[in-house]
Amino acid sequence: MDIYSFLRELADSWVLLSLVLFFLGTVVFAFRPGSGPLHRDAAESIFRHEKGPQMTGEKEVE
């Protein structure tokens, strides 16, 4: 058996199985019970210290 056939068999079976299990584990981890507040806090963290746009006269300064 040459190296190409061996790697092709490996990729078609065990590597595919391990990637599917990794994907399912990632999905379960992201949607686990109780993680909603953590995700919401991470999503809103960029707005935590924002005061809003500063107004000088009639133009908005960014």
Protein backbone atom coordinates (compact mmCIF):
# COMPACT_ATOMS: atom_id res chain seq x y z
CA MET A 1 0.00 0.00 0.00
CA ASP A 2 1.46 3.32 -0.98
CA ILE A 3 1.38 6.40 1.23
CA TYR A 4 -1.37 8.14 -0.76
CA SER A 5 -3.81 5.26 -0.34
CA PHE A 6 -3.04 5.04 3.37
CA LEU A 7 -3.60 8.76 3.94
CA ARG A 8 -6.76 8.68 1.83
CA GLU A 9 -8.17 5.82 3.93
CA LEU A 10 -7.19 7.60 7.13
CA ALA A 11 -8.85 10.85 6.03
CA ASP A 12 -12.00 9.05 4.88
CA SER A 13 -12.48 7.31 8.21
CA TRP A 14 -10.78 8.39 11.42
CA VAL A 15 -10.01 12.00 10.59
CA LEU A 16 -13.57 12.54 9.35
CA LEU A 17 -14.94 10.97 12.52
CA SER A 18 -12.72 13.10 14.76
CA LEU A 19 -13.68 16.33 12.92
CA VAL A 20 -17.38 15.52 13.21
CA LEU A 21 -16.98 14.84 16.94
CA PHE A 22 -15.03 18.10 17.36
CA PHE A 23 -17.78 20.03 15.53
CA LEU A 24 -20.54 18.46 17.63
CA GLY A 25 -18.58 19.17 20.81
CA THR A 26 -18.16 22.81 19.80
CA VAL A 27 -21.90 23.16 19.10
CA VAL A 28 -22.82 21.54 22.43
CA PHE A 29 -20.34 23.79 24.24
CA ALA A 30 -21.73 26.95 22.61
CA PHE A 31 -25.38 26.09 23.30
CA ARG A 32 -24.97 24.53 26.73
CA PRO A 33 -27.49 25.57 29.40
CA GLY A 34 -26.46 28.67 31.33
CA SER A 35 -24.11 30.06 28.71
CA GLY A 36 -26.56 32.70 27.44
CA PRO A 37 -25.49 35.42 29.90
CA LEU A 38 -21.82 34.79 29.13
CA HIS A 39 -22.41 35.15 25.39
CA ARG A 40 -24.54 38.26 25.91
CA ASP A 41 -21.84 39.84 28.09
CA ALA A 42 -19.17 39.08 25.48
CA ALA A 43 -21.34 40.53 22.70
CA GLU A 44 -22.06 43.75 24.61
CA SER A 45 -18.54 44.24 25.99
CA ILE A 46 -17.51 46.59 23.17
CA PHE A 47 -20.26 49.03 24.23
CA ARG A 48 -19.48 48.90 27.96
CA HIS A 49 -17.61 52.24 28.26
CA GLU A 50 -19.20 54.08 25.37
CA LYS A 51 -20.81 57.42 26.16
CA GLY A 52 -22.18 58.08 22.67
CA PRO A 53 -21.08 60.46 19.94
CA GLN A 54 -19.64 63.78 21.04
CA MET A 55 -21.39 66.81 19.65
CA THR A 56 -19.44 70.01 18.94
CA GLY A 57 -21.63 72.69 17.44
CA GLU A 58 -23.69 71.17 14.65
CA LYS A 59 -21.22 68.49 13.51
CA GLU A 60 -20.78 65.05 15.00
CA VAL A 61 -17.19 64.16 15.90
CA GLU A 62 -16.30 60.49 15.60
